[in-house]
Amino acid sequence: MSTAGANERRTVFYSGRVQGVGFRYTARAAAGGYDITGFVENLDDGRVRLVVEGSETEIEGLLADIAQRMRGHIRNTETTTSPATGEFASFGIEH
């Protein structure tokens, strides 16, 4: 169980109509409003993967923001939580 203020990592796989609709750019724009780091990328199987590190509160805010902005495109999400690694300096788009 994480303690208050401890950072965590969430890996989220989005499926649906999530490629070719500006999903990565929308996620990057949304991330600018939160104290998080990580990346978003398209996968060869048609899904989008988001890896984000930060506090639970910041991550929850970002994920809710993305869900609201992309609500017509997301069919399913798969999420895993693990300890943060601190490996990211910012949030960006992987190609």
PDB file of N, CA and C in Angstrom:
ATOM      1  N   MET A   1       0.852  -1.187   0.000  1.00  0.00           N
ATOM      2  CA  MET A   1       0.000   0.000   0.000  1.00  0.00           C
ATOM      3  C   MET A   1       0.886   1.235   0.000  1.00  0.00           C
ATOM      4  N   SER A   2       0.565   2.186  -0.850  1.00  0.00           N
ATOM      5  CA  SER A   2       1.381   3.396  -0.930  1.00  0.00           C
ATOM      6  C   SER A   2       0.997   4.366   0.179  1.00  0.00           C
ATOM      7  N   THR A   3       1.967   5.139   0.594  1.00  0.00           N
ATOM      8  CA  THR A   3       1.708   6.141   1.616  1.00  0.00           C
ATOM      9  C   THR A   3       1.355   7.458   0.952  1.00  0.00           C
ATOM     10  N   ALA A   4       0.775   8.356   1.691  1.00  0.00           N
ATOM     11  CA  ALA A   4       0.383   9.659   1.139  1.00  0.00           C
ATOM     12  C   ALA A   4       1.613  10.360   0.578  1.00  0.00           C
ATOM     13  N   GLY A   5       1.484  10.864  -0.627  1.00  0.00           N
ATOM     14  CA  GLY A   5       2.577  11.595  -1.253  1.00  0.00           C
ATOM     15  C   GLY A   5       3.551  10.705  -1.997  1.00  0.00           C
ATOM     16  N   ALA A   6       3.439   9.383  -1.843  1.00  0.00           N
ATOM     17  CA  ALA A   6       4.336   8.473  -2.548  1.00  0.00           C
ATOM     18  C   ALA A   6       3.933   8.413  -4.018  1.00  0.00           C
ATOM     19  N   ASN A   7       4.924   8.308  -4.876  1.00  0.00           N
ATOM     20  CA  ASN A   7       4.638   8.217  -6.308  1.00  0.00           C
ATOM     21  C   ASN A   7       4.425   6.772  -6.720  1.00  0.00           C
ATOM     22  N   GLU A   8       3.630   6.622  -7.765  1.00  0.00           N
ATOM     23  CA  GLU A   8       3.371   5.313  -8.330  1.00  0.00           C
ATOM     24  C   GLU A   8       3.432   5.402  -9.839  1.00  0.00           C
ATOM     25  N   ARG A   9       3.441   4.236 -10.477  1.00  0.00           N
ATOM     26  CA  ARG A   9       3.420   4.151 -11.935  1.00  0.00           C
ATOM     27  C   ARG A   9       2.138   3.459 -12.342  1.00  0.00           C
ATOM     28  N   ARG A  10       1.502   4.006 -13.359  1.00  0.00           N
ATOM     29  CA  ARG A  10       0.343   3.347 -13.959  1.00  0.00           C
ATOM     30  C   ARG A  10       0.675   3.106 -15.423  1.00  0.00           C
ATOM     31  N   THR A  11       0.392   1.917 -15.868  1.00  0.00           N
ATOM     32  CA  THR A  11       0.473   1.583 -17.287  1.00  0.00           C
ATOM     33  C   THR A  11      -0.943   1.297 -17.735  1.00  0.00           C
ATOM     34  N   VAL A  12      -1.397   2.040 -18.739  1.00  0.00           N
ATOM     35  CA  VAL A  12      -2.776   1.917 -19.208  1.00  0.00           C
ATOM     36  C   VAL A  12      -2.749   1.604 -20.696  1.00  0.00           C
ATOM     37  N   PHE A  13      -3.471   0.553 -21.069  1.00  0.00           N
ATOM     38  CA  PHE A  13      -3.653   0.206 -22.471  1.00  0.00           C
ATOM     39  C   PHE A  13      -5.072   0.591 -22.856  1.00  0.00           C
ATOM     40  N   TYR A  14      -5.190   1.447 -23.864  1.00  0.00           N
ATOM     41  CA  TYR A  14      -6.491   1.894 -24.365  1.00  0.00           C
ATOM     42  C   TYR A  14      -6.776   1.186 -25.680  1.00  0.00           C
ATOM     43  N   SER A  15      -8.003   0.692 -25.833  1.00  0.00           N
ATOM     44  CA  SER A  15      -8.410   0.123 -27.110  1.00  0.00           C
ATOM     45  C   SER A  15      -9.708   0.777 -27.553  1.00  0.00           C
ATOM     46  N   GLY A  16     -10.019   0.588 -28.815  1.00  0.00           N
ATOM     47  CA  GLY A  16     -11.155   1.241 -29.438  1.00  0.00           C
ATOM     48  C   GLY A  16     -10.663   1.937 -30.689  1.00  0.00           C
ATOM     49  N   ARG A  17     -11.220   3.083 -30.980  1.00  0.00           N
ATOM     50  CA  ARG A  17     -10.733   3.892 -32.104  1.00  0.00           C
ATOM     51  C   ARG A  17      -9.783   4.933 -31.509  1.00  0.00           C
ATOM     52  N   VAL A  18      -8.581   4.474 -31.165  1.00  0.00           N
ATOM     53  CA  VAL A  18      -7.660   5.315 -30.417  1.00  0.00           C
ATOM     54  C   VAL A  18      -6.409   5.715 -31.208  1.00  0.00           C
ATOM     55  N   GLN A  19      -6.279   5.217 -32.434  1.00  0.00           N
ATOM     56  CA  GLN A  19      -5.172   5.655 -33.283  1.00  0.00           C
ATOM     57  C   GLN A  19      -5.738   6.440 -34.453  1.00  0.00           C
ATOM     58  N   GLY A  20      -5.011   7.471 -34.875  1.00  0.00           N
ATOM     59  CA  GLY A  20      -5.456   8.295 -35.987  1.00  0.00           C
ATOM     60  C   GLY A  20      -6.499   9.327 -35.608  1.00  0.00           C
ATOM     61  N   VAL A  21      -6.685   9.555 -34.301  1.00  0.00           N
ATOM     62  CA  VAL A  21      -7.696  10.508 -33.839  1.00  0.00           C
ATOM     63  C   VAL A  21      -7.090  11.573 -32.911  1.00  0.00           C
ATOM     64  N   GLY A  22      -5.756  11.659 -32.879  1.00  0.00           N
ATOM     65  CA  GLY A  22      -5.097  12.654 -32.037  1.00  0.00           C
ATOM     66  C   GLY A  22      -4.986  12.259 -30.575  1.00  0.00           C
ATOM     67  N   PHE A  23      -5.103  10.970 -30.283  1.00  0.00           N
ATOM     68  CA  PHE A  23      -5.091  10.511 -28.896  1.00  0.00           C
ATOM     69  C   PHE A  23      -3.791  10.880 -28.195  1.00  0.00           C
ATOM     70  N   ARG A  24      -2.650  10.599 -28.815  1.00  0.00           N
ATOM     71  CA  ARG A  24      -1.362  10.879 -28.169  1.00  0.00           C
ATOM     72  C   ARG A  24      -1.184  12.371 -27.902  1.00  0.00           C
ATOM     73  N   TYR A  25      -1.586  13.193 -28.855  1.00  0.00           N
ATOM     74  CA  TYR A  25      -1.426  14.644 -28.693  1.00  0.00           C
ATOM     75  C   TYR A  25      -2.390  15.182 -27.642  1.00  0.00           C
ATOM     76  N   THR A  26      -3.587  14.611 -27.582  1.00  0.00           N
ATOM     77  CA  THR A  26      -4.552  14.990 -26.554  1.00  0.00           C
ATOM     78  C   THR A  26      -4.018  14.608 -25.173  1.00  0.00           C
ATOM     79  N   ALA A  27      -3.453  13.405 -25.066  1.00  0.00           N
ATOM     80  CA  ALA A  27      -2.890  12.962 -23.784  1.00  0.00           C
ATOM     81  C   ALA A  27      -1.735  13.852 -23.360  1.00  0.00           C
ATOM     82  N   ARG A  28      -0.868  14.211 -24.310  1.00  0.00           N
ATOM     83  CA  ARG A  28       0.258  15.089 -23.973  1.00  0.00           C
ATOM     84  C   ARG A  28      -0.242  16.458 -23.532  1.00  0.00           C
ATOM     85  N   ALA A  29      -1.232  16.998 -24.208  1.00  0.00           N
ATOM     86  CA  ALA A  29      -1.784  18.301 -23.831  1.00  0.00           C
ATOM     87  C   ALA A  29      -2.412  18.229 -22.441  1.00  0.00           C
ATOM     88  N   ALA A  30      -3.153  17.170 -22.169  1.00  0.00           N
ATOM     89  CA  ALA A  30      -3.781  17.003 -20.856  1.00  0.00           C
ATOM     90  C   ALA A  30      -2.715  16.872 -19.770  1.00  0.00           C
ATOM     91  N   ALA A  31      -1.641  16.158 -20.064  1.00  0.00           N
ATOM     92  CA  ALA A  31      -0.577  15.918 -19.079  1.00  0.00           C
ATOM     93  C   ALA A  31       0.070  17.213 -18.611  1.00  0.00           C
ATOM     94  N   GLY A  32       0.047  18.247 -19.450  1.00  0.00           N
ATOM     95  CA  GLY A  32       0.633  19.523 -19.076  1.00  0.00           C
ATOM     96  C   GLY A  32      -0.010  20.160 -17.862  1.00  0.00           C
ATOM     97  N   GLY A  33      -1.217  19.735 -17.533  1.00  0.00           N
ATOM     98  CA  GLY A  33      -1.919  20.288 -16.382  1.00  0.00           C
ATOM     99  C   GLY A  33      -1.698  19.515 -15.086  1.00  0.00           C
ATOM    100  N   TYR A  34      -0.820  18.520 -15.124  1.00  0.00           N
ATOM    101  CA  TYR A  34      -0.608  17.660 -13.953  1.00  0.00           C
ATOM    102  C   TYR A  34       0.876  17.504 -13.661  1.00  0.00           C
ATOM    103  N   ASP A  35       1.180  17.230 -12.414  1.00  0.00           N
ATOM    104  CA  ASP A  35       2.560  17.018 -11.980  1.00  0.00           C
ATOM    105  C   ASP A  35       2.897  15.536 -12.148  1.00  0.00           C
ATOM    106  N   ILE A  36       3.103  15.136 -13.405  1.00  0.00           N
ATOM    107  CA  ILE A  36       3.364  13.736 -13.733  1.00  0.00           C
ATOM    108  C   ILE A  36       4.487  13.670 -14.769  1.00  0.00           C
ATOM    109  N   THR A  37       5.022  12.469 -14.966  1.00  0.00           N
ATOM    110  CA  THR A  37       5.997  12.211 -16.028  1.00  0.00           C
ATOM    111  C   THR A  37       5.602  10.911 -16.712  1.00  0.00           C
ATOM    112  N   GLY A  38       6.179  10.645 -17.879  1.00  0.00           N
ATOM    113  CA  GLY A  38       5.918   9.401 -18.581  1.00  0.00           C
ATOM    114  C   GLY A  38       5.834   9.598 -20.071  1.00  0.00           C
ATOM    115  N   PHE A  39       5.052   8.729 -20.726  1.00  0.00           N
ATOM    116  CA  PHE A  39       4.916   8.817 -22.178  1.00  0.00           C
ATOM    117  C   PHE A  39       3.629   8.143 -22.637  1.00  0.00           C
ATOM    118  N   VAL A  40       3.285   8.412 -23.888  1.00  0.00           N
ATOM    119  CA  VAL A  40       2.158   7.772 -24.553  1.00  0.00           C
ATOM    120  C   VAL A  40       2.650   7.345 -25.935  1.00  0.00           C
ATOM    121  N   GLU A  41       2.190   6.173 -26.399  1.00  0.00           N
ATOM    122  CA  GLU A  41       2.635   5.677 -27.703  1.00  0.00           C
ATOM    123  C   GLU A  41       1.573   4.801 -28.344  1.00  0.00           C
ATOM    124  N   ASN A  42       1.601   4.763 -29.680  1.00  0.00           N
ATOM    125  CA  ASN A  42       0.771   3.832 -30.432  1.00  0.00           C
ATOM    126  C   ASN A  42       1.450   2.472 -30.435  1.00  0.00           C
ATOM    127  N   LEU A  43       0.656   1.419 -30.368  1.00  0.00           N
ATOM    128  CA  LEU A  43       1.167   0.059 -30.461  1.00  0.00           C
ATOM    129  C   LEU A  43       0.766  -0.553 -31.802  1.00  0.00           C
ATOM    130  N   ASP A  44       1.529  -1.510 -32.266  1.00  0.00           N
ATOM    131  CA  ASP A  44       1.264  -2.142 -33.557  1.00  0.00           C
ATOM    132  C   ASP A  44      -0.085  -2.844 -33.616  1.00  0.00           C
ATOM    133  N   ASP A  45      -0.626  -3.242 -32.468  1.00  0.00           N
ATOM    134  CA  ASP A  45      -1.904  -3.958 -32.457  1.00  0.00           C
ATOM    135  C   ASP A  45      -3.124  -3.035 -32.444  1.00  0.00           C
ATOM    136  N   GLY A  46      -2.894  -1.714 -32.596  1.00  0.00           N
ATOM    137  CA  GLY A  46      -4.006  -0.767 -32.665  1.00  0.00           C
ATOM    138  C   GLY A  46      -4.356  -0.107 -31.352  1.00  0.00           C
ATOM    139  N   ARG A  47      -3.731  -0.546 -30.264  1.00  0.00           N
ATOM    140  CA  ARG A  47      -3.975   0.078 -28.970  1.00  0.00           C
ATOM    141  C   ARG A  47      -3.008   1.243 -28.759  1.00  0.00           C
ATOM    142  N   VAL A  48      -3.283   2.011 -27.712  1.00  0.00           N
ATOM    143  CA  VAL A  48      -2.385   3.069 -27.248  1.00  0.00           C
ATOM    144  C   VAL A  48      -1.953   2.703 -25.836  1.00  0.00           C
ATOM    145  N   ARG A  49      -0.655   2.853 -25.567  1.00  0.00           N
ATOM    146  CA  ARG A  49      -0.124   2.600 -24.217  1.00  0.00           C
ATOM    147  C   ARG A  49       0.283   3.923 -23.592  1.00  0.00           C
ATOM    148  N   LEU A  50      -0.153   4.139 -22.362  1.00  0.00           N
ATOM    149  CA  LEU A  50       0.209   5.307 -21.572  1.00  0.00           C
ATOM    150  C   LEU A  50       0.944   4.806 -20.337  1.00  0.00           C
ATOM    151  N   VAL A  51       2.130   5.340 -20.094  1.00  0.00           N
ATOM    152  CA  VAL A  51       2.885   5.036 -18.878  1.00  0.00           C
ATOM    153  C   VAL A  51       3.066   6.361 -18.160  1.00  0.00           C
ATOM    154  N   VAL A  52       2.595   6.439 -16.924  1.00  0.00           N
ATOM    155  CA  VAL A  52       2.609   7.708 -16.196  1.00  0.00           C
ATOM    156  C   VAL A  52       3.061   7.474 -14.762  1.00  0.00           C
ATOM    157  N   GLU A  53       3.874   8.407 -14.272  1.00  0.00           N
ATOM    158  CA  GLU A  53       4.319   8.356 -12.884  1.00  0.00           C
ATOM    159  C   GLU A  53       3.991   9.669 -12.195  1.00  0.00           C
ATOM    160  N   GLY A  54       3.601   9.566 -10.935  1.00  0.00           N
ATOM    161  CA  GLY A  54       3.270  10.730 -10.126  1.00  0.00           C
ATOM    162  C   GLY A  54       2.475  10.272  -8.917  1.00  0.00           C
ATOM    163  N   SER A  55       1.885  11.228  -8.230  1.00  0.00           N
ATOM    164  CA  SER A  55       1.051  10.871  -7.083  1.00  0.00           C
ATOM    165  C   SER A  55      -0.259  10.271  -7.582  1.00  0.00           C
ATOM    166  N   GLU A  56      -0.899   9.493  -6.730  1.00  0.00           N
ATOM    167  CA  GLU A  56      -2.178   8.887  -7.098  1.00  0.00           C
ATOM    168  C   GLU A  56      -3.186   9.950  -7.524  1.00  0.00           C
ATOM    169  N   THR A  57      -3.227  11.051  -6.807  1.00  0.00           N
ATOM    170  CA  THR A  57      -4.170  12.135  -7.109  1.00  0.00           C
ATOM    171  C   THR A  57      -3.923  12.727  -8.490  1.00  0.00           C
ATOM    172  N   GLU A  58      -2.669  12.996  -8.810  1.00  0.00           N
ATOM    173  CA  GLU A  58      -2.333  13.579 -10.118  1.00  0.00           C
ATOM    174  C   GLU A  58      -2.628  12.591 -11.245  1.00  0.00           C
ATOM    175  N   ILE A  59      -2.274  11.336 -11.041  1.00  0.00           N
ATOM    176  CA  ILE A  59      -2.528  10.323 -12.073  1.00  0.00           C
ATOM    177  C   ILE A  59      -4.024  10.152 -12.290  1.00  0.00           C
ATOM    178  N   GLU A  60      -4.792  10.060 -11.215  1.00  0.00           N
ATOM    179  CA  GLU A  60      -6.247   9.912 -11.339  1.00  0.00           C
ATOM    180  C   GLU A  60      -6.849  11.091 -12.101  1.00  0.00           C
ATOM    181  N   GLY A  61      -6.352  12.294 -11.818  1.00  0.00           N
ATOM    182  CA  GLY A  61      -6.837  13.473 -12.533  1.00  0.00           C
ATOM    183  C   GLY A  61      -6.545  13.403 -14.021  1.00  0.00           C
ATOM    184  N   LEU A  62      -5.321  13.015 -14.358  1.00  0.00           N
ATOM    185  CA  LEU A  62      -4.953  12.899 -15.772  1.00  0.00           C
ATOM    186  C   LEU A  62      -5.802  11.842 -16.468  1.00  0.00           C
ATOM    187  N   LEU A  63      -5.944  10.675 -15.868  1.00  0.00           N
ATOM    188  CA  LEU A  63      -6.709   9.605 -16.508  1.00  0.00           C
ATOM    189  C   LEU A  63      -8.170   9.989 -16.695  1.00  0.00           C
ATOM    190  N   ALA A  64      -8.739  10.686 -15.729  1.00  0.00           N
ATOM    191  CA  ALA A  64     -10.123  11.169 -15.867  1.00  0.00           C
ATOM    192  C   ALA A  64     -10.232  12.197 -16.982  1.00  0.00           C
ATOM    193  N   ASP A  65      -9.229  13.074 -17.078  1.00  0.00           N
ATOM    194  CA  ASP A  65      -9.202  14.099 -18.121  1.00  0.00           C
ATOM    195  C   ASP A  65      -9.136  13.440 -19.507  1.00  0.00           C
ATOM    196  N   ILE A  66      -8.239  12.465 -19.673  1.00  0.00           N
ATOM    197  CA  ILE A  66      -8.127  11.767 -20.956  1.00  0.00           C
ATOM    198  C   ILE A  66      -9.432  11.041 -21.279  1.00  0.00           C
ATOM    199  N   ALA A  67     -10.010  10.369 -20.294  1.00  0.00           N
ATOM    200  CA  ALA A  67     -11.265   9.643 -20.512  1.00  0.00           C
ATOM    201  C   ALA A  67     -12.371  10.589 -20.974  1.00  0.00           C
ATOM    202  N   GLN A  68     -12.427  11.783 -20.393  1.00  0.00           N
ATOM    203  CA  GLN A  68     -13.456  12.758 -20.777  1.00  0.00           C
ATOM    204  C   GLN A  68     -13.194  13.286 -22.188  1.00  0.00           C
ATOM    205  N   ARG A  69     -11.951  13.652 -22.468  1.00  0.00           N
ATOM    206  CA  ARG A  69     -11.616  14.227 -23.779  1.00  0.00           C
ATOM    207  C   ARG A  69     -11.755  13.221 -24.917  1.00  0.00           C
ATOM    208  N   MET A  70     -11.493  11.946 -24.647  1.00  0.00           N
ATOM    209  CA  MET A  70     -11.482  10.926 -25.697  1.00  0.00           C
ATOM    210  C   MET A  70     -12.636   9.929 -25.543  1.00  0.00           C
ATOM    211  N   ARG A  71     -13.693  10.336 -24.844  1.00  0.00           N
ATOM    212  CA  ARG A  71     -14.780   9.424 -24.479  1.00  0.00           C
ATOM    213  C   ARG A  71     -15.441   8.734 -25.667  1.00  0.00           C
ATOM    214  N   GLY A  72     -15.485   9.343 -26.812  1.00  0.00           N
ATOM    215  CA  GLY A  72     -16.117   8.708 -27.971  1.00  0.00           C
ATOM    216  C   GLY A  72     -15.232   7.698 -28.667  1.00  0.00           C
ATOM    217  N   HIS A  73     -13.985   7.593 -28.244  1.00  0.00           N
ATOM    218  CA  HIS A  73     -13.021   6.739 -28.935  1.00  0.00           C
ATOM    219  C   HIS A  73     -12.564   5.538 -28.117  1.00  0.00           C
ATOM    220  N   ILE A  74     -12.609   5.632 -26.805  1.00  0.00           N
ATOM    221  CA  ILE A  74     -12.111   4.558 -25.944  1.00  0.00           C
ATOM    222  C   ILE A  74     -13.201   3.505 -25.734  1.00  0.00           C
ATOM    223  N   ARG A  75     -12.899   2.253 -26.062  1.00  0.00           N
ATOM    224  CA  ARG A  75     -13.823   1.158 -25.832  1.00  0.00           C
ATOM    225  C   ARG A  75     -13.470   0.415 -24.555  1.00  0.00           C
ATOM    226  N   ASN A  76     -12.160   0.258 -24.292  1.00  0.00           N
ATOM    227  CA  ASN A  76     -11.732  -0.515 -23.135  1.00  0.00           C
ATOM    228  C   ASN A  76     -10.392   0.010 -22.630  1.00  0.00           C
ATOM    229  N   THR A  77     -10.153  -0.141 -21.330  1.00  0.00           N
ATOM    230  CA  THR A  77      -8.857   0.184 -20.745  1.00  0.00           C
ATOM    231  C   THR A  77      -8.405  -0.975 -19.870  1.00  0.00           C
ATOM    232  N   GLU A  78      -7.112  -1.232 -19.870  1.00  0.00           N
ATOM    233  CA  GLU A  78      -6.484  -2.198 -18.982  1.00  0.00           C
ATOM    234  C   GLU A  78      -5.400  -1.450 -18.229  1.00  0.00           C
ATOM    235  N   THR A  79      -5.443  -1.471 -16.912  1.00  0.00           N
ATOM    236  CA  THR A  79      -4.528  -0.676 -16.096  1.00  0.00           C
ATOM    237  C   THR A  79      -3.785  -1.548 -15.101  1.00  0.00           C
ATOM    238  N   THR A  80      -2.488  -1.303 -14.975  1.00  0.00           N
ATOM    239  CA  THR A  80      -1.702  -1.926 -13.911  1.00  0.00           C
ATOM    240  C   THR A  80      -1.006  -0.820 -13.131  1.00  0.00           C
ATOM    241  N   THR A  81      -0.796  -1.069 -11.844  1.00  0.00           N
ATOM    242  CA  THR A  81      -0.136  -0.118 -10.961  1.00  0.00           C
ATOM    243  C   THR A  81       1.103  -0.780 -10.389  1.00  0.00           C
ATOM    244  N   SER A  82       2.195  -0.022 -10.338  1.00  0.00           N
ATOM    245  CA  SER A  82       3.446  -0.521  -9.773  1.00  0.00           C
ATOM    246  C   SER A  82       4.186   0.661  -9.151  1.00  0.00           C
ATOM    247  N   PRO A  83       5.277   0.400  -8.434  1.00  0.00           N
ATOM    248  CA  PRO A  83       6.045   1.505  -7.857  1.00  0.00           C
ATOM    249  C   PRO A  83       6.683   2.364  -8.963  1.00  0.00           C
ATOM    250  N   ALA A  84       6.768   3.641  -8.727  1.00  0.00           N
ATOM    251  CA  ALA A  84       7.424   4.544  -9.679  1.00  0.00           C
ATOM    252  C   ALA A  84       8.916   4.239  -9.726  1.00  0.00           C
ATOM    253  N   THR A  85       9.499   4.433 -10.908  1.00  0.00           N
ATOM    254  CA  THR A  85      10.935   4.216 -11.077  1.00  0.00           C
ATOM    255  C   THR A  85      11.709   5.531 -11.094  1.00  0.00           C
ATOM    256  N   GLY A  86      11.014   6.624 -11.396  1.00  0.00           N
ATOM    257  CA  GLY A  86      11.681   7.918 -11.486  1.00  0.00           C
ATOM    258  C   GLY A  86      12.516   8.085 -12.735  1.00  0.00           C
ATOM    259  N   GLU A  87      12.290   7.246 -13.742  1.00  0.00           N
ATOM    260  CA  GLU A  87      13.131   7.265 -14.933  1.00  0.00           C
ATOM    261  C   GLU A  87      12.794   8.365 -15.932  1.00  0.00           C
ATOM    262  N   PHE A  88      11.658   9.024 -15.780  1.00  0.00           N
ATOM    263  CA  PHE A  88      11.233  10.028 -16.750  1.00  0.00           C
ATOM    264  C   PHE A  88      11.469  11.443 -16.219  1.00  0.00           C
ATOM    265  N   ALA A  89      11.875  12.335 -17.111  1.00  0.00           N
ATOM    266  CA  ALA A  89      12.090  13.733 -16.736  1.00  0.00           C
ATOM    267  C   ALA A  89      10.863  14.588 -17.055  1.00  0.00           C
ATOM    268  N   SER A  90      10.035  14.132 -17.994  1.00  0.00           N
ATOM    269  CA  SER A  90       8.867  14.885 -18.426  1.00  0.00           C
ATOM    270  C   SER A  90       7.861  13.903 -18.998  1.00  0.00           C
ATOM    271  N   PHE A  91       6.818  14.424 -19.648  1.00  0.00           N
ATOM    272  CA  PHE A  91       5.838  13.582 -20.304  1.00  0.00           C
ATOM    273  C   PHE A  91       5.900  13.860 -21.801  1.00  0.00           C
ATOM    274  N   GLY A  92       5.992  12.808 -22.595  1.00  0.00           N
ATOM    275  CA  GLY A  92       6.096  13.014 -24.038  1.00  0.00           C
ATOM    276  C   GLY A  92       5.440  11.913 -24.841  1.00  0.00           C
ATOM    277  N   ILE A  93       5.591  12.042 -26.142  1.00  0.00           N
ATOM    278  CA  ILE A  93       5.055  11.080 -27.089  1.00  0.00           C
ATOM    279  C   ILE A  93       6.200  10.234 -27.604  1.00  0.00           C
ATOM    280  N   GLU A  94       6.038   8.914 -27.535  1.00  0.00           N
ATOM    281  CA  GLU A  94       7.005   7.982 -28.124  1.00  0.00           C
ATOM    282  C   GLU A  94       6.491   7.626 -29.512  1.00  0.00           C
ATOM    283  N   HIS A  95       7.393   7.353 -30.426  1.00  0.00           N
ATOM    284  CA  HIS A  95       6.976   7.042 -31.801  1.00  0.00           C
ATOM    285  C   HIS A  95       7.281   5.617 -32.165  1.00  0.00           C
TER     286      HIS A  95
END
